[in-house]
Structure formats: C-alpha cells, structure tokens
Amino acid sequence: MPPHDGIDAAPRVESTPAVPAVRHDRPGLRDKLDLRVVNADDPFQGDREICVLFDGVRYRLRITRRNRLILQK
C-alpha cells in the first residue's frame, strides 16, 4: 500500500450549473427569451380557479392544494 500523504486520491469534481448555458445560434431561441411574464396573482385575483377562453373553447386553470397549476379542458 502506498504511503498516505494527506491528499485524497479521488479527483476533485466541480459542480456543473443546473441551467445549461444559453446558445444564441439556434433558430427561434430569441423569440423564446422574449416571452412576456405574467404574475399568477394578477389573473387569479385571490381566487384558486379561473376560466381561460382560447379559440372559442373554455379551459379551467386552477391552483391545487400543493400550489401547482393545472389546466383542464
């Protein structure tokens, strides 16, 4: 067994970022970066459920007990 000099033999692993780096050379990516952000408090106005009308069809958007959004047709 080789002598132990106090330095770990395992290589150091650097953490990778959770979000991959944004590449601007892909077509359509710029459009996705410019999305409008809407705070959910605005359309819900304190309610837990709203109706969204899209292309003549009504959808139910609700906030669950676990604070998640569910969209139902």
PDB file of N, CA and C in Angstrom:
ATOM      1  N   MET A   1       0.852  -1.170   0.000  1.00  0.00           N
ATOM      2  CA  MET A   1       0.000   0.000   0.000  1.00  0.00           C
ATOM      3  C   MET A   1       0.902   1.239   0.000  1.00  0.00           C
ATOM      4  N   PRO A   2       0.647   2.226  -0.902  1.00  0.00           N
ATOM      5  CA  PRO A   2       1.477   3.423  -0.945  1.00  0.00           C
ATOM      6  C   PRO A   2       1.237   4.279   0.287  1.00  0.00           C
ATOM      7  N   PRO A   3       2.225   5.064   0.688  1.00  0.00           N
ATOM      8  CA  PRO A   3       2.053   5.911   1.875  1.00  0.00           C
ATOM      9  C   PRO A   3       1.001   6.989   1.623  1.00  0.00           C
ATOM     10  N   HIS A   4       0.301   7.346   2.663  1.00  0.00           N
ATOM     11  CA  HIS A   4      -0.762   8.353   2.577  1.00  0.00           C
ATOM     12  C   HIS A   4      -0.160   9.710   2.938  1.00  0.00           C
ATOM     13  N   ASP A   5      -0.227  10.669   2.015  1.00  0.00           N
ATOM     14  CA  ASP A   5       0.377  11.983   2.280  1.00  0.00           C
ATOM     15  C   ASP A   5      -0.658  13.044   2.675  1.00  0.00           C
ATOM     16  N   GLY A   6      -1.891  12.609   2.981  1.00  0.00           N
ATOM     17  CA  GLY A   6      -2.904  13.555   3.439  1.00  0.00           C
ATOM     18  C   GLY A   6      -3.759  14.123   2.324  1.00  0.00           C
ATOM     19  N   ILE A   7      -3.453  13.800   1.089  1.00  0.00           N
ATOM     20  CA  ILE A   7      -4.235  14.305  -0.040  1.00  0.00           C
ATOM     21  C   ILE A   7      -5.113  13.171  -0.541  1.00  0.00           C
ATOM     22  N   ASP A   8      -6.377  13.474  -0.737  1.00  0.00           N
ATOM     23  CA  ASP A   8      -7.298  12.448  -1.234  1.00  0.00           C
ATOM     24  C   ASP A   8      -6.894  12.024  -2.632  1.00  0.00           C
ATOM     25  N   ALA A   9      -6.996  10.740  -2.911  1.00  0.00           N
ATOM     26  CA  ALA A   9      -6.631  10.207  -4.208  1.00  0.00           C
ATOM     27  C   ALA A   9      -7.714  10.461  -5.256  1.00  0.00           C
ATOM     28  N   ALA A  10      -8.966  10.654  -4.814  1.00  0.00           N
ATOM     29  CA  ALA A  10     -10.058  10.871  -5.763  1.00  0.00           C
ATOM     30  C   ALA A  10      -9.930  12.255  -6.391  1.00  0.00           C
ATOM     31  N   PRO A  11     -10.154  12.373  -7.701  1.00  0.00           N
ATOM     32  CA  PRO A  11     -10.067  13.686  -8.338  1.00  0.00           C
ATOM     33  C   PRO A  11     -11.200  14.584  -7.877  1.00  0.00           C
ATOM     34  N   ARG A  12     -10.932  15.844  -7.835  1.00  0.00           N
ATOM     35  CA  ARG A  12     -11.945  16.814  -7.429  1.00  0.00           C
ATOM     36  C   ARG A  12     -12.948  16.985  -8.563  1.00  0.00           C
ATOM     37  N   VAL A  13     -14.218  16.923  -8.242  1.00  0.00           N
ATOM     38  CA  VAL A  13     -15.278  17.077  -9.232  1.00  0.00           C
ATOM     39  C   VAL A  13     -15.920  18.433  -9.009  1.00  0.00           C
ATOM     40  N   GLU A  14     -15.904  19.253 -10.039  1.00  0.00           N
ATOM     41  CA  GLU A  14     -16.533  20.562  -9.937  1.00  0.00           C
ATOM     42  C   GLU A  14     -17.998  20.436 -10.319  1.00  0.00           C
ATOM     43  N   SER A  15     -18.835  21.151  -9.612  1.00  0.00           N
ATOM     44  CA  SER A  15     -20.264  21.071  -9.904  1.00  0.00           C
ATOM     45  C   SER A  15     -20.574  21.807 -11.198  1.00  0.00           C
ATOM     46  N   THR A  16     -21.540  21.284 -11.909  1.00  0.00           N
ATOM     47  CA  THR A  16     -21.984  21.923 -13.146  1.00  0.00           C
ATOM     48  C   THR A  16     -23.219  22.746 -12.839  1.00  0.00           C
ATOM     49  N   PRO A  17     -23.433  23.832 -13.552  1.00  0.00           N
ATOM     50  CA  PRO A  17     -24.606  24.658 -13.287  1.00  0.00           C
ATOM     51  C   PRO A  17     -25.886  23.895 -13.620  1.00  0.00           C
ATOM     52  N   ALA A  18     -26.946  24.176 -12.866  1.00  0.00           N
ATOM     53  CA  ALA A  18     -28.225  23.494 -13.071  1.00  0.00           C
ATOM     54  C   ALA A  18     -28.859  23.885 -14.402  1.00  0.00           C
ATOM     55  N   VAL A  19     -28.604  25.100 -14.860  1.00  0.00           N
ATOM     56  CA  VAL A  19     -29.178  25.574 -16.112  1.00  0.00           C
ATOM     57  C   VAL A  19     -28.079  25.600 -17.164  1.00  0.00           C
ATOM     58  N   PRO A  20     -28.293  24.944 -18.289  1.00  0.00           N
ATOM     59  CA  PRO A  20     -27.258  24.959 -19.319  1.00  0.00           C
ATOM     60  C   PRO A  20     -27.063  26.364 -19.882  1.00  0.00           C
ATOM     61  N   ALA A  21     -25.894  26.603 -20.400  1.00  0.00           N
ATOM     62  CA  ALA A  21     -25.593  27.905 -20.978  1.00  0.00           C
ATOM     63  C   ALA A  21     -26.505  28.156 -22.172  1.00  0.00           C
ATOM     64  N   VAL A  22     -26.937  29.388 -22.327  1.00  0.00           N
ATOM     65  CA  VAL A  22     -27.834  29.757 -23.422  1.00  0.00           C
ATOM     66  C   VAL A  22     -27.025  29.922 -24.697  1.00  0.00           C
ATOM     67  N   ARG A  23     -27.460  29.237 -25.743  1.00  0.00           N
ATOM     68  CA  ARG A  23     -26.806  29.362 -27.046  1.00  0.00           C
ATOM     69  C   ARG A  23     -27.688  30.224 -27.933  1.00  0.00           C
ATOM     70  N   HIS A  24     -27.117  31.258 -28.514  1.00  0.00           N
ATOM     71  CA  HIS A  24     -27.890  32.183 -29.335  1.00  0.00           C
ATOM     72  C   HIS A  24     -27.850  31.832 -30.814  1.00  0.00           C
ATOM     73  N   ASP A  25     -27.209  30.713 -31.177  1.00  0.00           N
ATOM     74  CA  ASP A  25     -27.097  30.382 -32.592  1.00  0.00           C
ATOM     75  C   ASP A  25     -28.222  29.468 -33.069  1.00  0.00           C
ATOM     76  N   ARG A  26     -29.149  29.096 -32.197  1.00  0.00           N
ATOM     77  CA  ARG A  26     -30.257  28.238 -32.602  1.00  0.00           C
ATOM     78  C   ARG A  26     -31.406  29.092 -33.110  1.00  0.00           C
ATOM     79  N   PRO A  27     -32.041  28.707 -34.220  1.00  0.00           N
ATOM     80  CA  PRO A  27     -33.164  29.489 -34.743  1.00  0.00           C
ATOM     81  C   PRO A  27     -34.347  29.447 -33.778  1.00  0.00           C
ATOM     82  N   GLY A  28     -34.994  30.586 -33.608  1.00  0.00           N
ATOM     83  CA  GLY A  28     -36.168  30.667 -32.759  1.00  0.00           C
ATOM     84  C   GLY A  28     -35.876  30.867 -31.286  1.00  0.00           C
ATOM     85  N   LEU A  29     -34.641  30.774 -30.864  1.00  0.00           N
ATOM     86  CA  LEU A  29     -34.323  30.908 -29.447  1.00  0.00           C
ATOM     87  C   LEU A  29     -34.592  32.329 -28.964  1.00  0.00           C
ATOM     88  N   ARG A  30     -34.310  33.302 -29.781  1.00  0.00           N
ATOM     89  CA  ARG A  30     -34.521  34.697 -29.380  1.00  0.00           C
ATOM     90  C   ARG A  30     -35.977  34.942 -29.039  1.00  0.00           C
ATOM     91  N   ASP A  31     -36.898  34.351 -29.809  1.00  0.00           N
ATOM     92  CA  ASP A  31     -38.322  34.515 -29.534  1.00  0.00           C
ATOM     93  C   ASP A  31     -38.676  33.952 -28.161  1.00  0.00           C
ATOM     94  N   LYS A  32     -38.086  32.833 -27.789  1.00  0.00           N
ATOM     95  CA  LYS A  32     -38.383  32.211 -26.510  1.00  0.00           C
ATOM     96  C   LYS A  32     -37.849  33.033 -25.345  1.00  0.00           C
ATOM     97  N   LEU A  33     -36.756  33.723 -25.549  1.00  0.00           N
ATOM     98  CA  LEU A  33     -36.176  34.530 -24.480  1.00  0.00           C
ATOM     99  C   LEU A  33     -36.982  35.793 -24.222  1.00  0.00           C
ATOM    100  N   ASP A  34     -37.765  36.235 -25.199  1.00  0.00           N
ATOM    101  CA  ASP A  34     -38.536  37.466 -25.070  1.00  0.00           C
ATOM    102  C   ASP A  34     -39.985  37.213 -24.656  1.00  0.00           C
ATOM    103  N   LEU A  35     -40.274  36.088 -24.016  1.00  0.00           N
ATOM    104  CA  LEU A  35     -41.631  35.787 -23.600  1.00  0.00           C
ATOM    105  C   LEU A  35     -42.108  36.779 -22.552  1.00  0.00           C
ATOM    106  N   ARG A  36     -43.363  37.121 -22.627  1.00  0.00           N
ATOM    107  CA  ARG A  36     -43.974  38.005 -21.637  1.00  0.00           C
ATOM    108  C   ARG A  36     -44.210  37.210 -20.359  1.00  0.00           C
ATOM    109  N   VAL A  37     -43.895  37.794 -19.225  1.00  0.00           N
ATOM    110  CA  VAL A  37     -44.071  37.141 -17.929  1.00  0.00           C
ATOM    111  C   VAL A  37     -45.292  37.748 -17.251  1.00  0.00           C
ATOM    112  N   VAL A  38     -46.188  36.868 -16.785  1.00  0.00           N
ATOM    113  CA  VAL A  38     -47.400  37.307 -16.096  1.00  0.00           C
ATOM    114  C   VAL A  38     -47.375  36.726 -14.692  1.00  0.00           C
ATOM    115  N   ASN A  39     -47.511  37.563 -13.709  1.00  0.00           N
ATOM    116  CA  ASN A  39     -47.592  37.111 -12.327  1.00  0.00           C
ATOM    117  C   ASN A  39     -48.955  36.450 -12.128  1.00  0.00           C
ATOM    118  N   ALA A  40     -48.998  35.238 -11.615  1.00  0.00           N
ATOM    119  CA  ALA A  40     -50.250  34.492 -11.461  1.00  0.00           C
ATOM    120  C   ALA A  40     -51.238  35.196 -10.535  1.00  0.00           C
ATOM    121  N   ASP A  41     -50.747  36.065  -9.659  1.00  0.00           N
ATOM    122  CA  ASP A  41     -51.658  36.796  -8.776  1.00  0.00           C
ATOM    123  C   ASP A  41     -52.587  37.711  -9.566  1.00  0.00           C
ATOM    124  N   ASP A  42     -52.124  38.215 -10.715  1.00  0.00           N
ATOM    125  CA  ASP A  42     -52.931  39.151 -11.499  1.00  0.00           C
ATOM    126  C   ASP A  42     -54.195  38.511 -12.069  1.00  0.00           C
ATOM    127  N   PRO A  43     -54.118  37.439 -12.855  1.00  0.00           N
ATOM    128  CA  PRO A  43     -55.364  36.880 -13.389  1.00  0.00           C
ATOM    129  C   PRO A  43     -56.215  36.173 -12.326  1.00  0.00           C
ATOM    130  N   PHE A  44     -55.609  35.582 -11.318  1.00  0.00           N
ATOM    131  CA  PHE A  44     -56.382  34.857 -10.303  1.00  0.00           C
ATOM    132  C   PHE A  44     -57.049  35.800  -9.308  1.00  0.00           C
ATOM    133  N   GLN A  45     -56.470  36.945  -9.034  1.00  0.00           N
ATOM    134  CA  GLN A  45     -57.017  37.956  -8.119  1.00  0.00           C
ATOM    135  C   GLN A  45     -57.530  37.351  -6.822  1.00  0.00           C
ATOM    136  N   GLY A  46     -56.752  36.448  -6.237  1.00  0.00           N
ATOM    137  CA  GLY A  46     -57.121  35.855  -4.957  1.00  0.00           C
ATOM    138  C   GLY A  46     -57.940  34.574  -5.072  1.00  0.00           C
ATOM    139  N   ASP A  47     -58.480  34.273  -6.243  1.00  0.00           N
ATOM    140  CA  ASP A  47     -59.232  33.034  -6.436  1.00  0.00           C
ATOM    141  C   ASP A  47     -58.272  31.873  -6.671  1.00  0.00           C
ATOM    142  N   ARG A  48     -58.777  30.657  -6.579  1.00  0.00           N
ATOM    143  CA  ARG A  48     -57.966  29.469  -6.831  1.00  0.00           C
ATOM    144  C   ARG A  48     -58.234  28.879  -8.208  1.00  0.00           C
ATOM    145  N   GLU A  49     -59.210  29.412  -8.920  1.00  0.00           N
ATOM    146  CA  GLU A  49     -59.586  28.852 -10.207  1.00  0.00           C
ATOM    147  C   GLU A  49     -60.109  29.954 -11.117  1.00  0.00           C
ATOM    148  N   ILE A  50     -59.709  29.897 -12.397  1.00  0.00           N
ATOM    149  CA  ILE A  50     -60.219  30.839 -13.386  1.00  0.00           C
ATOM    150  C   ILE A  50     -60.575  30.083 -14.659  1.00  0.00           C
ATOM    151  N   CYS A  51     -61.339  30.720 -15.517  1.00  0.00           N
ATOM    152  CA  CYS A  51     -61.704  30.155 -16.804  1.00  0.00           C
ATOM    153  C   CYS A  51     -60.912  30.917 -17.868  1.00  0.00           C
ATOM    154  N   VAL A  52     -60.265  30.170 -18.753  1.00  0.00           N
ATOM    155  CA  VAL A  52     -59.495  30.774 -19.832  1.00  0.00           C
ATOM    156  C   VAL A  52     -60.196  30.412 -21.142  1.00  0.00           C
ATOM    157  N   LEU A  53     -60.559  31.411 -21.916  1.00  0.00           N
ATOM    158  CA  LEU A  53     -61.208  31.187 -23.203  1.00  0.00           C
ATOM    159  C   LEU A  53     -60.148  31.256 -24.291  1.00  0.00           C
ATOM    160  N   PHE A  54     -59.977  30.160 -25.032  1.00  0.00           N
ATOM    161  CA  PHE A  54     -58.973  30.098 -26.092  1.00  0.00           C
ATOM    162  C   PHE A  54     -59.605  29.481 -27.327  1.00  0.00           C
ATOM    163  N   ASP A  55     -59.643  30.236 -28.404  1.00  0.00           N
ATOM    164  CA  ASP A  55     -60.179  29.762 -29.680  1.00  0.00           C
ATOM    165  C   ASP A  55     -61.604  29.226 -29.525  1.00  0.00           C
ATOM    166  N   GLY A  56     -62.407  29.911 -28.716  1.00  0.00           N
ATOM    167  CA  GLY A  56     -63.800  29.523 -28.511  1.00  0.00           C
ATOM    168  C   GLY A  56     -64.008  28.369 -27.549  1.00  0.00           C
ATOM    169  N   VAL A  57     -62.948  27.845 -26.951  1.00  0.00           N
ATOM    170  CA  VAL A  57     -63.038  26.721 -26.020  1.00  0.00           C
ATOM    171  C   VAL A  57     -62.673  27.214 -24.623  1.00  0.00           C
ATOM    172  N   ARG A  58     -63.458  26.777 -23.640  1.00  0.00           N
ATOM    173  CA  ARG A  58     -63.194  27.154 -22.244  1.00  0.00           C
ATOM    174  C   ARG A  58     -62.254  26.144 -21.591  1.00  0.00           C
ATOM    175  N   TYR A  59     -61.250  26.659 -20.909  1.00  0.00           N
ATOM    176  CA  TYR A  59     -60.308  25.843 -20.149  1.00  0.00           C
ATOM    177  C   TYR A  59     -60.365  26.291 -18.695  1.00  0.00           C
ATOM    178  N   ARG A  60     -60.188  25.347 -17.797  1.00  0.00           N
ATOM    179  CA  ARG A  60     -60.130  25.639 -16.368  1.00  0.00           C
ATOM    180  C   ARG A  60     -58.679  25.657 -15.936  1.00  0.00           C
ATOM    181  N   LEU A  61     -58.236  26.752 -15.362  1.00  0.00           N
ATOM    182  CA  LEU A  61     -56.887  26.849 -14.807  1.00  0.00           C
ATOM    183  C   LEU A  61     -57.045  27.011 -13.307  1.00  0.00           C
ATOM    184  N   ARG A  62     -56.466  26.066 -12.555  1.00  0.00           N
ATOM    185  CA  ARG A  62     -56.638  26.139 -11.111  1.00  0.00           C
ATOM    186  C   ARG A  62     -55.324  25.912 -10.377  1.00  0.00           C
ATOM    187  N   ILE A  63     -55.289  26.434  -9.169  1.00  0.00           N
ATOM    188  CA  ILE A  63     -54.161  26.246  -8.272  1.00  0.00           C
ATOM    189  C   ILE A  63     -54.531  25.108  -7.326  1.00  0.00           C
ATOM    190  N   THR A  64     -53.712  24.082  -7.268  1.00  0.00           N
ATOM    191  CA  THR A  64     -54.000  22.920  -6.435  1.00  0.00           C
ATOM    192  C   THR A  64     -53.651  23.192  -4.973  1.00  0.00           C
ATOM    193  N   ARG A  65     -54.002  22.228  -4.115  1.00  0.00           N
ATOM    194  CA  ARG A  65     -53.646  22.331  -2.693  1.00  0.00           C
ATOM    195  C   ARG A  65     -52.143  22.346  -2.490  1.00  0.00           C
ATOM    196  N   ARG A  66     -51.424  21.717  -3.416  1.00  0.00           N
ATOM    197  CA  ARG A  66     -49.952  21.702  -3.344  1.00  0.00           C
ATOM    198  C   ARG A  66     -49.320  22.881  -4.063  1.00  0.00           C
ATOM    199  N   ASN A  67     -50.156  23.860  -4.404  1.00  0.00           N
ATOM    200  CA  ASN A  67     -49.703  25.109  -5.028  1.00  0.00           C
ATOM    201  C   ASN A  67     -49.079  24.896  -6.416  1.00  0.00           C
ATOM    202  N   ARG A  68     -49.724  24.034  -7.202  1.00  0.00           N
ATOM    203  CA  ARG A  68     -49.315  23.806  -8.578  1.00  0.00           C
ATOM    204  C   ARG A  68     -50.446  24.226  -9.492  1.00  0.00           C
ATOM    205  N   LEU A  69     -50.103  24.509 -10.755  1.00  0.00           N
ATOM    206  CA  LEU A  69     -51.130  24.899 -11.719  1.00  0.00           C
ATOM    207  C   LEU A  69     -51.574  23.692 -12.529  1.00  0.00           C
ATOM    208  N   ILE A  70     -52.888  23.572 -12.725  1.00  0.00           N
ATOM    209  CA  ILE A  70     -53.473  22.519 -13.538  1.00  0.00           C
ATOM    210  C   ILE A  70     -54.374  23.188 -14.575  1.00  0.00           C
ATOM    211  N   LEU A  71     -54.185  22.817 -15.843  1.00  0.00           N
ATOM    212  CA  LEU A  71     -55.042  23.324 -16.912  1.00  0.00           C
ATOM    213  C   LEU A  71     -55.869  22.160 -17.426  1.00  0.00           C
ATOM    214  N   GLN A  72     -57.211  22.324 -17.411  1.00  0.00           N
ATOM    215  CA  GLN A  72     -58.111  21.269 -17.865  1.00  0.00           C
ATOM    216  C   GLN A  72     -59.026  21.805 -18.952  1.00  0.00           C
ATOM    217  N   LYS A  73     -59.304  20.958 -19.920  1.00  0.00           N
ATOM    218  CA  LYS A  73     -60.220  21.341 -20.996  1.00  0.00           C
ATOM    219  C   LYS A  73     -61.632  21.067 -20.564  1.00  0.00           C
TER     220      LYS A  73
END
